[in-house]
Amino acid sequence: MKIYVKNDDGKMYEARQVDENTFTFTTENKTFELSLTEAEAPYNLLALSEKQRKAITKEIFTNKEILEQLKDAKRHRDKNFSYYSGDEAEFNKLVDEMNSDR
């Protein structure tokens, strides 16, 4: 496995594997260690803190591209043409929240 770390100015660093779950990478003047653990449920919103959920929700409802994708998904679903797979109730709740904010 290769892991690359990108800093704020776009410079990339390759992390070197130390053992099964540990990697290190060195910038110009510091060395950092990464420890990996397997996630039980990747991308599970329940695993996010309340602050993280609020930040993601704010981003969803202020990002025009995301809103357009949600509208397209709803139009497709209403026409029985949906690429969406997952929790239908959660999707409906999200669409309803989006519509009620307008």
C-alpha atoms as a PDB file:
ATOM      1  CA  MET A   1       0.000   0.000   0.000  1.00  0.00           C
ATOM      2  CA  LYS A   2       1.240   3.493  -0.797  1.00  0.00           C
ATOM      3  CA  ILE A   3       0.065   6.541   1.092  1.00  0.00           C
ATOM      4  CA  TYR A   4       0.670  10.106  -0.022  1.00  0.00           C
ATOM      5  CA  VAL A   5       0.122  13.180   2.117  1.00  0.00           C
ATOM      6  CA  LYS A   6      -0.633  16.537   0.505  1.00  0.00           C
ATOM      7  CA  ASN A   7      -0.061  19.689   2.548  1.00  0.00           C
ATOM      8  CA  ASP A   8      -1.891  23.009   2.222  1.00  0.00           C
ATOM      9  CA  ASP A   9       0.449  24.386  -0.433  1.00  0.00           C
ATOM     10  CA  GLY A  10       0.023  21.280  -2.597  1.00  0.00           C
ATOM     11  CA  LYS A  11       3.379  19.631  -1.915  1.00  0.00           C
ATOM     12  CA  MET A  12       3.129  15.818  -1.794  1.00  0.00           C
ATOM     13  CA  TYR A  13       5.004  13.490   0.537  1.00  0.00           C
ATOM     14  CA  GLU A  14       5.142   9.715   0.306  1.00  0.00           C
ATOM     15  CA  ALA A  15       4.607   7.923   3.600  1.00  0.00           C
ATOM     16  CA  ARG A  16       6.891   4.967   4.195  1.00  0.00           C
ATOM     17  CA  GLN A  17       5.574   1.862   5.905  1.00  0.00           C
ATOM     18  CA  VAL A  18       7.203   1.150   9.276  1.00  0.00           C
ATOM     19  CA  ASP A  19       5.085  -1.848  10.252  1.00  0.00           C
ATOM     20  CA  GLU A  20       1.710  -3.336   9.338  1.00  0.00           C
ATOM     21  CA  ASN A  21      -0.331  -0.297  10.423  1.00  0.00           C
ATOM     22  CA  THR A  22       2.232   2.481  10.866  1.00  0.00           C
ATOM     23  CA  PHE A  23       3.589   4.873   8.267  1.00  0.00           C
ATOM     24  CA  THR A  24       5.893   7.887   8.542  1.00  0.00           C
ATOM     25  CA  PHE A  25       6.526  10.824   6.267  1.00  0.00           C
ATOM     26  CA  THR A  26       9.024  13.649   6.491  1.00  0.00           C
ATOM     27  CA  THR A  27       8.497  17.256   5.452  1.00  0.00           C
ATOM     28  CA  GLU A  28      11.304  19.758   5.123  1.00  0.00           C
ATOM     29  CA  ASN A  29      11.951  19.831   8.868  1.00  0.00           C
ATOM     30  CA  LYS A  30       9.583  17.415  10.668  1.00  0.00           C
ATOM     31  CA  THR A  31       8.732  13.726  10.673  1.00  0.00           C
ATOM     32  CA  PHE A  32       5.145  12.581  11.216  1.00  0.00           C
ATOM     33  CA  GLU A  33       3.727   9.174  12.044  1.00  0.00           C
ATOM     34  CA  LEU A  34       0.405   7.820  10.781  1.00  0.00           C
ATOM     35  CA  SER A  35      -1.344   4.927  12.465  1.00  0.00           C
ATOM     36  CA  LEU A  36      -4.069   3.171  10.482  1.00  0.00           C
ATOM     37  CA  THR A  37      -7.024   1.266  11.878  1.00  0.00           C
ATOM     38  CA  GLU A  38      -9.810  -0.397   9.957  1.00  0.00           C
ATOM     39  CA  ALA A  39     -13.094   1.479  10.145  1.00  0.00           C
ATOM     40  CA  GLU A  40     -16.136  -0.572  11.078  1.00  0.00           C
ATOM     41  CA  ALA A  41     -18.462   1.475   8.881  1.00  0.00           C
ATOM     42  CA  PRO A  42     -16.641   3.741   6.426  1.00  0.00           C
ATOM     43  CA  TYR A  43     -18.334   7.043   5.686  1.00  0.00           C
ATOM     44  CA  ASN A  44     -20.848   6.411   8.437  1.00  0.00           C
ATOM     45  CA  LEU A  45     -22.353   9.758   9.446  1.00  0.00           C
ATOM     46  CA  LEU A  46     -23.135   8.329  12.866  1.00  0.00           C
ATOM     47  CA  ALA A  47     -19.385   8.111  13.506  1.00  0.00           C
ATOM     48  CA  LEU A  48     -19.039  11.879  13.032  1.00  0.00           C
ATOM     49  CA  SER A  49     -19.174  14.337  15.878  1.00  0.00           C
ATOM     50  CA  GLU A  50     -22.098  16.753  16.100  1.00  0.00           C
ATOM     51  CA  LYS A  51     -19.759  19.573  15.007  1.00  0.00           C
ATOM     52  CA  GLN A  52     -18.625  17.574  11.949  1.00  0.00           C
ATOM     53  CA  ARG A  53     -22.228  16.702  10.998  1.00  0.00           C
ATOM     54  CA  LYS A  54     -23.241  20.371  11.225  1.00  0.00           C
ATOM     55  CA  ALA A  55     -20.280  21.429   9.077  1.00  0.00           C
ATOM     56  CA  ILE A  56     -21.096  18.815   6.425  1.00  0.00           C
ATOM     57  CA  THR A  57     -24.795  19.731   6.465  1.00  0.00           C
ATOM     58  CA  LYS A  58     -23.931  23.414   6.060  1.00  0.00           C
ATOM     59  CA  GLU A  59     -21.649  22.585   3.132  1.00  0.00           C
ATOM     60  CA  ILE A  60     -24.355  20.501   1.453  1.00  0.00           C
ATOM     61  CA  PHE A  61     -26.975  23.238   1.706  1.00  0.00           C
ATOM     62  CA  THR A  62     -24.656  26.068   0.619  1.00  0.00           C
ATOM     63  CA  ASN A  63     -22.959  24.287  -2.279  1.00  0.00           C
ATOM     64  CA  LYS A  64     -24.856  24.905  -5.524  1.00  0.00           C
ATOM     65  CA  GLU A  65     -23.316  21.888  -7.255  1.00  0.00           C
ATOM     66  CA  ILE A  66     -24.395  19.521  -4.473  1.00  0.00           C
ATOM     67  CA  LEU A  67     -27.914  20.974  -4.435  1.00  0.00           C
ATOM     68  CA  GLU A  68     -28.155  20.511  -8.190  1.00  0.00           C
ATOM     69  CA  GLN A  69     -27.033  16.880  -7.854  1.00  0.00           C
ATOM     70  CA  LEU A  70     -29.700  16.290  -5.208  1.00  0.00           C
ATOM     71  CA  LYS A  71     -32.350  17.846  -7.442  1.00  0.00           C
ATOM     72  CA  ASP A  72     -31.218  15.691 -10.373  1.00  0.00           C
ATOM     73  CA  ALA A  73     -31.323  12.578  -8.188  1.00  0.00           C
ATOM     74  CA  LYS A  74     -34.860  13.411  -7.072  1.00  0.00           C
ATOM     75  CA  ARG A  75     -35.981  14.035 -10.672  1.00  0.00           C
ATOM     76  CA  HIS A  76     -34.472  10.711 -11.744  1.00  0.00           C
ATOM     77  CA  ARG A  77     -36.003   8.902  -8.796  1.00  0.00           C
ATOM     78  CA  ASP A  78     -39.416  10.426  -9.524  1.00  0.00           C
ATOM     79  CA  LYS A  79     -39.091   9.092 -13.083  1.00  0.00           C
ATOM     80  CA  ASN A  80     -38.126   5.664 -11.704  1.00  0.00           C
ATOM     81  CA  PHE A  81     -34.587   6.178 -12.965  1.00  0.00           C
ATOM     82  CA  SER A  82     -32.307   6.307  -9.973  1.00  0.00           C
ATOM     83  CA  TYR A  83     -28.605   5.768  -9.476  1.00  0.00           C
ATOM     84  CA  TYR A  84     -29.115   6.298  -5.745  1.00  0.00           C
ATOM     85  CA  SER A  85     -28.775   3.214  -3.608  1.00  0.00           C
ATOM     86  CA  GLY A  86     -29.035   3.305   0.121  1.00  0.00           C
ATOM     87  CA  ASP A  87     -31.495   4.315   2.769  1.00  0.00           C
ATOM     88  CA  GLU A  88     -34.557   5.632   0.946  1.00  0.00           C
ATOM     89  CA  ALA A  89     -36.000   7.177   4.118  1.00  0.00           C
ATOM     90  CA  GLU A  90     -32.811   9.146   4.787  1.00  0.00           C
ATOM     91  CA  PHE A  91     -32.742  10.353   1.182  1.00  0.00           C
ATOM     92  CA  ASN A  92     -36.372  11.509   1.421  1.00  0.00           C
ATOM     93  CA  LYS A  93     -35.617  13.307   4.690  1.00  0.00           C
ATOM     94  CA  LEU A  94     -32.652  15.099   3.092  1.00  0.00           C
ATOM     95  CA  VAL A  95     -34.703  16.183   0.068  1.00  0.00           C
ATOM     96  CA  ASP A  96     -37.534  17.379   2.333  1.00  0.00           C
ATOM     97  CA  GLU A  97     -35.075  19.381   4.449  1.00  0.00           C
ATOM     98  CA  MET A  98     -33.594  20.903   1.315  1.00  0.00           C
ATOM     99  CA  ASN A  99     -37.048  21.904   0.049  1.00  0.00           C
ATOM    100  CA  SER A 100     -38.200  23.318   3.395  1.00  0.00           C
ATOM    101  CA  ASP A 101     -35.147  25.620   3.601  1.00  0.00           C
ATOM    102  CA  ARG A 102     -36.222  27.464   0.473  1.00  0.00           C
END
